[in-house]
Each structure stands twice: as structure tokens, then as C-alpha cells.
Amino acid sequence: IDATFPEILRVLKPGGSFVVLDHRASAGTPATSG
């Protein structure tokens, strides 16, 4: 899991964009709710 976002950063060009859309959980909800 911890390698996923660095992997996304790796394949992007400098200045490139990463756009995320997801279902909202309440603030403070553990990530495992996914």
C-alpha cells in the first residue's frame, strides 16, 4: 500500500497532474474502511 502513491509519482512527468475522485468517509475514519 505504501508504495502505491510513490509509484504514481514515478510515472508522472514533472509538472504532471494526479486527479482523485472517491467516496467520502467521515473525518477520522480509519483507512481500512475502504
PDB file of all heavy atoms in Angstrom:
ATOM      1  N   ILE A   1       0.828  -1.210   0.000  1.00  0.00           N
ATOM      2  CA  ILE A   1       0.000   0.000   0.000  1.00  0.00           C
ATOM      3  C   ILE A   1       0.858   1.254   0.000  1.00  0.00           C
ATOM      4  O   ILE A   1       0.620   2.208  -0.751  1.00  0.00           O
ATOM      5  CB  ILE A   1      -0.961  -0.002   1.206  1.00  0.00           C
ATOM      6  CG1 ILE A   1      -2.032  -1.082   1.028  1.00  0.00           C
ATOM      7  CG2 ILE A   1      -1.608   1.372   1.385  1.00  0.00           C
ATOM      8  CD1 ILE A   1      -2.944  -1.252   2.223  1.00  0.00           C
ATOM      9  N   ASP A   2       1.901   1.266   0.842  1.00  0.00           N
ATOM     10  CA  ASP A   2       2.730   2.461   0.989  1.00  0.00           C
ATOM     11  C   ASP A   2       3.540   2.784  -0.264  1.00  0.00           C
ATOM     12  O   ASP A   2       4.041   3.905  -0.409  1.00  0.00           O
ATOM     13  CB  ASP A   2       3.678   2.300   2.175  1.00  0.00           C
ATOM     14  CG  ASP A   2       2.934   2.244   3.504  1.00  0.00           C
ATOM     15  OD1 ASP A   2       1.819   2.803   3.571  1.00  0.00           O
ATOM     16  OD2 ASP A   2       3.464   1.660   4.465  1.00  0.00           O
ATOM     17  N   ALA A   3       3.683   1.823  -1.166  1.00  0.00           N
ATOM     18  CA  ALA A   3       4.446   2.057  -2.398  1.00  0.00           C
ATOM     19  C   ALA A   3       3.584   2.601  -3.525  1.00  0.00           C
ATOM     20  O   ALA A   3       4.113   3.005  -4.572  1.00  0.00           O
ATOM     21  CB  ALA A   3       5.115   0.761  -2.846  1.00  0.00           C
ATOM     22  N   THR A   4       2.269   2.645  -3.335  1.00  0.00           N
ATOM     23  CA  THR A   4       1.362   2.988  -4.436  1.00  0.00           C
ATOM     24  C   THR A   4       1.489   4.439  -4.876  1.00  0.00           C
ATOM     25  O   THR A   4       1.665   4.728  -6.068  1.00  0.00           O
ATOM     26  CB  THR A   4      -0.087   2.685  -4.033  1.00  0.00           C
ATOM     27  OG1 THR A   4      -0.206   1.298  -3.725  1.00  0.00           O
ATOM     28  CG2 THR A   4      -1.040   3.034  -5.157  1.00  0.00           C
ATOM     29  N   PHE A   5       1.399   5.371  -3.958  1.00  0.00           N
ATOM     30  CA  PHE A   5       1.458   6.784  -4.352  1.00  0.00           C
ATOM     31  C   PHE A   5       2.846   7.171  -4.875  1.00  0.00           C
ATOM     32  O   PHE A   5       2.934   7.932  -5.860  1.00  0.00           O
ATOM     33  CB  PHE A   5       1.008   7.675  -3.202  1.00  0.00           C
ATOM     34  CG  PHE A   5      -0.492   7.744  -3.046  1.00  0.00           C
ATOM     35  CD1 PHE A   5      -1.235   6.623  -2.725  1.00  0.00           C
ATOM     36  CD2 PHE A   5      -1.177   8.935  -3.245  1.00  0.00           C
ATOM     37  CE1 PHE A   5      -2.612   6.676  -2.599  1.00  0.00           C
ATOM     38  CE2 PHE A   5      -2.558   9.012  -3.120  1.00  0.00           C
ATOM     39  CZ  PHE A   5      -3.277   7.866  -2.802  1.00  0.00           C
ATOM     40  N   PRO A   6       3.941   6.669  -4.294  1.00  0.00           N
ATOM     41  CA  PRO A   6       5.248   6.911  -4.920  1.00  0.00           C
ATOM     42  C   PRO A   6       5.353   6.341  -6.336  1.00  0.00           C
ATOM     43  O   PRO A   6       6.019   6.926  -7.195  1.00  0.00           O
ATOM     44  CB  PRO A   6       6.229   6.205  -3.970  1.00  0.00           C
ATOM     45  CG  PRO A   6       5.562   6.253  -2.640  1.00  0.00           C
ATOM     46  CD  PRO A   6       4.099   6.068  -2.949  1.00  0.00           C
ATOM     47  N   GLU A   7       4.677   5.217  -6.580  1.00  0.00           N
ATOM     48  CA  GLU A   7       4.686   4.634  -7.922  1.00  0.00           C
ATOM     49  C   GLU A   7       3.936   5.534  -8.912  1.00  0.00           C
ATOM     50  O   GLU A   7       4.368   5.710 -10.057  1.00  0.00           O
ATOM     51  CB  GLU A   7       4.054   3.243  -7.878  1.00  0.00           C
ATOM     52  CG  GLU A   7       3.953   2.529  -9.217  1.00  0.00           C
ATOM     53  CD  GLU A   7       5.293   2.054  -9.771  1.00  0.00           C
ATOM     54  OE1 GLU A   7       6.350   2.477  -9.257  1.00  0.00           O
ATOM     55  OE2 GLU A   7       5.289   1.281 -10.748  1.00  0.00           O
ATOM     56  N   ILE A   8       2.835   6.112  -8.475  1.00  0.00           N
ATOM     57  CA  ILE A   8       2.096   7.056  -9.325  1.00  0.00           C
ATOM     58  C   ILE A   8       2.961   8.280  -9.618  1.00  0.00           C
ATOM     59  O   ILE A   8       3.025   8.760 -10.755  1.00  0.00           O
ATOM     60  CB  ILE A   8       0.775   7.469  -8.655  1.00  0.00           C
ATOM     61  CG1 ILE A   8      -0.143   6.243  -8.498  1.00  0.00           C
ATOM     62  CG2 ILE A   8       0.072   8.566  -9.456  1.00  0.00           C
ATOM     63  CD1 ILE A   8      -1.341   6.479  -7.604  1.00  0.00           C
ATOM     64  N   LEU A   9       3.647   8.781  -8.597  1.00  0.00           N
ATOM     65  CA  LEU A   9       4.540   9.922  -8.787  1.00  0.00           C
ATOM     66  C   LEU A   9       5.628   9.587  -9.802  1.00  0.00           C
ATOM     67  O   LEU A   9       5.982  10.416 -10.646  1.00  0.00           O
ATOM     68  CB  LEU A   9       5.175  10.309  -7.442  1.00  0.00           C
ATOM     69  CG  LEU A   9       6.023  11.582  -7.438  1.00  0.00           C
ATOM     70  CD1 LEU A   9       5.126  12.812  -7.399  1.00  0.00           C
ATOM     71  CD2 LEU A   9       6.988  11.602  -6.253  1.00  0.00           C
ATOM     72  N   ARG A  10       6.142   8.375  -9.750  1.00  0.00           N
ATOM     73  CA  ARG A  10       7.236   7.962 -10.632  1.00  0.00           C
ATOM     74  C   ARG A  10       6.840   8.046 -12.105  1.00  0.00           C
ATOM     75  O   ARG A  10       7.619   8.521 -12.940  1.00  0.00           O
ATOM     76  CB  ARG A  10       7.662   6.531 -10.297  1.00  0.00           C
ATOM     77  CG  ARG A  10       8.790   5.996 -11.188  1.00  0.00           C
ATOM     78  CD  ARG A  10       9.061   4.534 -10.946  1.00  0.00           C
ATOM     79  NE  ARG A  10       7.974   3.659 -11.392  1.00  0.00           N
ATOM     80  CZ  ARG A  10       7.761   3.319 -12.663  1.00  0.00           C
ATOM     81  NH1 ARG A  10       8.548   3.793 -13.625  1.00  0.00           N
ATOM     82  NH2 ARG A  10       6.753   2.520 -12.981  1.00  0.00           N
ATOM     83  N   VAL A  11       5.637   7.586 -12.443  1.00  0.00           N
ATOM     84  CA  VAL A  11       5.256   7.517 -13.857  1.00  0.00           C
ATOM     85  C   VAL A  11       4.794   8.859 -14.409  1.00  0.00           C
ATOM     86  O   VAL A  11       4.644   9.010 -15.623  1.00  0.00           O
ATOM     87  CB  VAL A  11       4.168   6.443 -14.099  1.00  0.00           C
ATOM     88  CG1 VAL A  11       4.645   5.084 -13.610  1.00  0.00           C
ATOM     89  CG2 VAL A  11       2.841   6.816 -13.453  1.00  0.00           C
ATOM     90  N   LEU A  12       4.582   9.838 -13.547  1.00  0.00           N
ATOM     91  CA  LEU A  12       4.174  11.168 -13.988  1.00  0.00           C
ATOM     92  C   LEU A  12       5.367  12.007 -14.424  1.00  0.00           C
ATOM     93  O   LEU A  12       6.439  11.952 -13.818  1.00  0.00           O
ATOM     94  CB  LEU A  12       3.444  11.897 -12.863  1.00  0.00           C
ATOM     95  CG  LEU A  12       1.925  11.822 -12.818  1.00  0.00           C
ATOM     96  CD1 LEU A  12       1.413  12.483 -11.545  1.00  0.00           C
ATOM     97  CD2 LEU A  12       1.295  12.467 -14.039  1.00  0.00           C
ATOM     98  N   LYS A  13       5.144  12.825 -15.435  1.00  0.00           N
ATOM     99  CA  LYS A  13       6.150  13.812 -15.824  1.00  0.00           C
ATOM    100  C   LYS A  13       6.209  14.911 -14.757  1.00  0.00           C
ATOM    101  O   LYS A  13       5.195  15.192 -14.097  1.00  0.00           O
ATOM    102  CB  LYS A  13       5.782  14.442 -17.168  1.00  0.00           C
ATOM    103  CG  LYS A  13       5.753  13.476 -18.334  1.00  0.00           C
ATOM    104  CD  LYS A  13       5.288  14.165 -19.611  1.00  0.00           C
ATOM    105  CE  LYS A  13       5.216  13.185 -20.772  1.00  0.00           C
ATOM    106  NZ  LYS A  13       4.712  13.817 -22.010  1.00  0.00           N
ATOM    107  N   PRO A  14       7.357  15.555 -14.567  1.00  0.00           N
ATOM    108  CA  PRO A  14       7.391  16.729 -13.682  1.00  0.00           C
ATOM    109  C   PRO A  14       6.360  17.760 -14.132  1.00  0.00           C
ATOM    110  O   PRO A  14       6.238  18.056 -15.318  1.00  0.00           O
ATOM    111  CB  PRO A  14       8.825  17.247 -13.861  1.00  0.00           C
ATOM    112  CG  PRO A  14       9.610  16.033 -14.234  1.00  0.00           C
ATOM    113  CD  PRO A  14       8.685  15.213 -15.108  1.00  0.00           C
ATOM    114  N   GLY A  15       5.592  18.262 -13.194  1.00  0.00           N
ATOM    115  CA  GLY A  15       4.507  19.183 -13.512  1.00  0.00           C
ATOM    116  C   GLY A  15       3.212  18.497 -13.869  1.00  0.00           C
ATOM    117  O   GLY A  15       2.187  19.157 -14.063  1.00  0.00           O
ATOM    118  N   GLY A  16       3.229  17.151 -13.934  1.00  0.00           N
ATOM    119  CA  GLY A  16       2.030  16.398 -14.272  1.00  0.00           C
ATOM    120  C   GLY A  16       1.016  16.383 -13.141  1.00  0.00           C
ATOM    121  O   GLY A  16       1.346  16.659 -11.978  1.00  0.00           O
ATOM    122  N   SER A  17      -0.217  16.043 -13.470  1.00  0.00           N
ATOM    123  CA  SER A  17      -1.324  16.092 -12.510  1.00  0.00           C
ATOM    124  C   SER A  17      -1.794  14.698 -12.112  1.00  0.00           C
ATOM    125  O   SER A  17      -1.787  13.769 -12.921  1.00  0.00           O
ATOM    126  CB  SER A  17      -2.512  16.852 -13.102  1.00  0.00           C
ATOM    127  OG  SER A  17      -2.158  18.188 -13.395  1.00  0.00           O
ATOM    128  N   PHE A  18      -2.231  14.595 -10.874  1.00  0.00           N
ATOM    129  CA  PHE A  18      -2.839  13.387 -10.325  1.00  0.00           C
ATOM    130  C   PHE A  18      -4.208  13.790  -9.791  1.00  0.00           C
ATOM    131  O   PHE A  18      -4.313  14.613  -8.884  1.00  0.00           O
ATOM    132  CB  PHE A  18      -1.957  12.823  -9.217  1.00  0.00           C
ATOM    133  CG  PHE A  18      -2.508  11.635  -8.482  1.00  0.00           C
ATOM    134  CD1 PHE A  18      -3.254  10.656  -9.130  1.00  0.00           C
ATOM    135  CD2 PHE A  18      -2.267  11.472  -7.121  1.00  0.00           C
ATOM    136  CE1 PHE A  18      -3.748   9.554  -8.444  1.00  0.00           C
ATOM    137  CE2 PHE A  18      -2.748  10.377  -6.430  1.00  0.00           C
ATOM    138  CZ  PHE A  18      -3.490   9.416  -7.092  1.00  0.00           C
ATOM    139  N   VAL A  19      -5.267  13.243 -10.392  1.00  0.00           N
ATOM    140  CA  VAL A  19      -6.638  13.645 -10.055  1.00  0.00           C
ATOM    141  C   VAL A  19      -7.364  12.468  -9.425  1.00  0.00           C
ATOM    142  O   VAL A  19      -7.410  11.372 -10.002  1.00  0.00           O
ATOM    143  CB  VAL A  19      -7.396  14.140 -11.302  1.00  0.00           C
ATOM    144  CG1 VAL A  19      -8.802  14.601 -10.921  1.00  0.00           C
ATOM    145  CG2 VAL A  19      -6.620  15.281 -11.969  1.00  0.00           C
ATOM    146  N   VAL A  20      -7.923  12.698  -8.239  1.00  0.00           N
ATOM    147  CA  VAL A  20      -8.540  11.639  -7.443  1.00  0.00           C
ATOM    148  C   VAL A  20     -10.003  11.962  -7.176  1.00  0.00           C
ATOM    149  O   VAL A  20     -10.349  13.081  -6.780  1.00  0.00           O
ATOM    150  CB  VAL A  20      -7.812  11.477  -6.089  1.00  0.00           C
ATOM    151  CG1 VAL A  20      -8.508  10.431  -5.226  1.00  0.00           C
ATOM    152  CG2 VAL A  20      -6.352  11.103  -6.301  1.00  0.00           C
ATOM    153  N   LEU A  21     -10.858  10.961  -7.387  1.00  0.00           N
ATOM    154  CA  LEU A  21     -12.277  11.044  -7.040  1.00  0.00           C
ATOM    155  C   LEU A  21     -12.626   9.802  -6.237  1.00  0.00           C
ATOM    156  O   LEU A  21     -12.305   8.687  -6.643  1.00  0.00           O
ATOM    157  CB  LEU A  21     -13.139  11.097  -8.309  1.00  0.00           C
ATOM    158  CG  LEU A  21     -14.661  11.007  -8.144  1.00  0.00           C
ATOM    159  CD1 LEU A  21     -15.194  12.244  -7.443  1.00  0.00           C
ATOM    160  CD2 LEU A  21     -15.336  10.819  -9.500  1.00  0.00           C
ATOM    161  N   ASP A  22     -13.262   9.987  -5.064  1.00  0.00           N
ATOM    162  CA  ASP A  22     -13.622   8.807  -4.283  1.00  0.00           C
ATOM    163  C   ASP A  22     -14.787   9.129  -3.354  1.00  0.00           C
ATOM    164  O   ASP A  22     -15.146  10.291  -3.138  1.00  0.00           O
ATOM    165  CB  ASP A  22     -12.430   8.291  -3.483  1.00  0.00           C
ATOM    166  CG  ASP A  22     -12.443   6.777  -3.303  1.00  0.00           C
ATOM    167  OD1 ASP A  22     -13.525   6.160  -3.463  1.00  0.00           O
ATOM    168  OD2 ASP A  22     -11.386   6.194  -3.004  1.00  0.00           O
ATOM    169  N   HIS A  23     -15.353   8.058  -2.797  1.00  0.00           N
ATOM    170  CA  HIS A  23     -16.484   8.176  -1.878  1.00  0.00           C
ATOM    171  C   HIS A  23     -15.989   8.645  -0.506  1.00  0.00           C
ATOM    172  O   HIS A  23     -15.064   8.058   0.055  1.00  0.00           O
ATOM    173  CB  HIS A  23     -17.178   6.821  -1.724  1.00  0.00           C
ATOM    174  CG  HIS A  23     -17.591   6.187  -3.020  1.00  0.00           C
ATOM    175  ND1 HIS A  23     -18.711   6.576  -3.712  1.00  0.00           N
ATOM    176  CD2 HIS A  23     -17.017   5.192  -3.745  1.00  0.00           C
ATOM    177  CE1 HIS A  23     -18.821   5.838  -4.813  1.00  0.00           C
ATOM    178  NE2 HIS A  23     -17.806   4.995  -4.858  1.00  0.00           N
ATOM    179  N   ARG A  24     -16.616   9.664   0.032  1.00  0.00           N
ATOM    180  CA  ARG A  24     -16.172  10.273   1.281  1.00  0.00           C
ATOM    181  C   ARG A  24     -16.604   9.462   2.503  1.00  0.00           C
ATOM    182  O   ARG A  24     -17.766   9.038   2.609  1.00  0.00           O
ATOM    183  CB  ARG A  24     -16.731  11.685   1.411  1.00  0.00           C
ATOM    184  CG  ARG A  24     -16.181  12.475   2.610  1.00  0.00           C
ATOM    185  CD  ARG A  24     -16.926  13.806   2.764  1.00  0.00           C
ATOM    186  NE  ARG A  24     -16.877  14.600   1.548  1.00  0.00           N
ATOM    187  CZ  ARG A  24     -15.904  15.466   1.262  1.00  0.00           C
ATOM    188  NH1 ARG A  24     -14.904  15.640   2.110  1.00  0.00           N
ATOM    189  NH2 ARG A  24     -15.955  16.158   0.138  1.00  0.00           N
ATOM    190  N   ALA A  25     -15.655   9.260   3.413  1.00  0.00           N
ATOM    191  CA  ALA A  25     -15.952   8.734   4.746  1.00  0.00           C
ATOM    192  C   ALA A  25     -15.846   9.887   5.733  1.00  0.00           C
ATOM    193  O   ALA A  25     -15.234  10.925   5.445  1.00  0.00           O
ATOM    194  CB  ALA A  25     -14.977   7.628   5.117  1.00  0.00           C
ATOM    195  N   SER A  26     -16.426   9.717   6.901  1.00  0.00           N
ATOM    196  CA  SER A  26     -16.370  10.753   7.929  1.00  0.00           C
ATOM    197  C   SER A  26     -14.918  11.057   8.298  1.00  0.00           C
ATOM    198  O   SER A  26     -14.047  10.181   8.238  1.00  0.00           O
ATOM    199  CB  SER A  26     -17.124  10.296   9.178  1.00  0.00           C
ATOM    200  OG  SER A  26     -18.473  10.033   8.888  1.00  0.00           O
ATOM    201  N   ALA A  27     -14.661  12.300   8.680  1.00  0.00           N
ATOM    202  CA  ALA A  27     -13.322  12.697   9.098  1.00  0.00           C
ATOM    203  C   ALA A  27     -12.848  11.814  10.250  1.00  0.00           C
ATOM    204  O   ALA A  27     -13.584  11.583  11.208  1.00  0.00           O
ATOM    205  CB  ALA A  27     -13.314  14.165   9.515  1.00  0.00           C
ATOM    206  N   GLY A  28     -11.630  11.329  10.146  1.00  0.00           N
ATOM    207  CA  GLY A  28     -11.068  10.498  11.190  1.00  0.00           C
ATOM    208  C   GLY A  28     -11.338   9.015  11.041  1.00  0.00           C
ATOM    209  O   GLY A  28     -10.828   8.209  11.828  1.00  0.00           O
ATOM    210  N   THR A  29     -12.128   8.637  10.029  1.00  0.00           N
ATOM    211  CA  THR A  29     -12.409   7.220   9.796  1.00  0.00           C
ATOM    212  C   THR A  29     -11.128   6.498   9.386  1.00  0.00           C
ATOM    213  O   THR A  29     -10.394   6.993   8.537  1.00  0.00           O
ATOM    214  CB  THR A  29     -13.468   7.054   8.691  1.00  0.00           C
ATOM    215  OG1 THR A  29     -14.673   7.701   9.084  1.00  0.00           O
ATOM    216  CG2 THR A  29     -13.753   5.576   8.419  1.00  0.00           C
ATOM    217  N   PRO A  30     -10.825   5.338   9.967  1.00  0.00           N
ATOM    218  CA  PRO A  30      -9.612   4.613   9.586  1.00  0.00           C
ATOM    219  C   PRO A  30      -9.617   4.270   8.099  1.00  0.00           C
ATOM    220  O   PRO A  30     -10.671   4.019   7.507  1.00  0.00           O
ATOM    221  CB  PRO A  30      -9.676   3.341  10.441  1.00  0.00           C
ATOM    222  CG  PRO A  30     -10.563   3.686  11.585  1.00  0.00           C
ATOM    223  CD  PRO A  30     -11.559   4.665  11.050  1.00  0.00           C
ATOM    224  N   ALA A  31      -8.429   4.247   7.503  1.00  0.00           N
ATOM    225  CA  ALA A  31      -8.311   3.948   6.082  1.00  0.00           C
ATOM    226  C   ALA A  31      -8.859   2.570   5.734  1.00  0.00           C
ATOM    227  O   ALA A  31      -9.324   2.346   4.606  1.00  0.00           O
ATOM    228  CB  ALA A  31      -6.848   4.051   5.652  1.00  0.00           C
ATOM    229  N   THR A  32      -8.843   1.663   6.678  1.00  0.00           N
ATOM    230  CA  THR A  32      -9.334   0.308   6.441  1.00  0.00           C
ATOM    231  C   THR A  32     -10.816   0.271   6.103  1.00  0.00           C
ATOM    232  O   THR A  32     -11.317  -0.765   5.643  1.00  0.00           O
ATOM    233  CB  THR A  32      -9.069  -0.580   7.663  1.00  0.00           C
ATOM    234  OG1 THR A  32      -9.573   0.080   8.841  1.00  0.00           O
ATOM    235  CG2 THR A  32      -7.574  -0.825   7.846  1.00  0.00           C
ATOM    236  N   SER A  33     -11.528   1.391   6.285  1.00  0.00           N
ATOM    237  CA  SER A  33     -12.944   1.438   5.908  1.00  0.00           C
ATOM    238  C   SER A  33     -13.114   1.186   4.419  1.00  0.00           C
ATOM    239  O   SER A  33     -14.195   0.790   3.969  1.00  0.00           O
ATOM    240  CB  SER A  33     -13.556   2.799   6.266  1.00  0.00           C
ATOM    241  OG  SER A  33     -12.957   3.841   5.494  1.00  0.00           O
ATOM    242  N   GLY A  34     -12.039   1.393   3.655  1.00  0.00           N
ATOM    243  CA  GLY A  34     -12.113   1.144   2.223  1.00  0.00           C
ATOM    244  C   GLY A  34     -12.445  -0.294   1.903  1.00  0.00           C
ATOM    245  O   GLY A  34     -13.050  -0.583   0.861  1.00  0.00           O
TER     246      GLY A  34
END
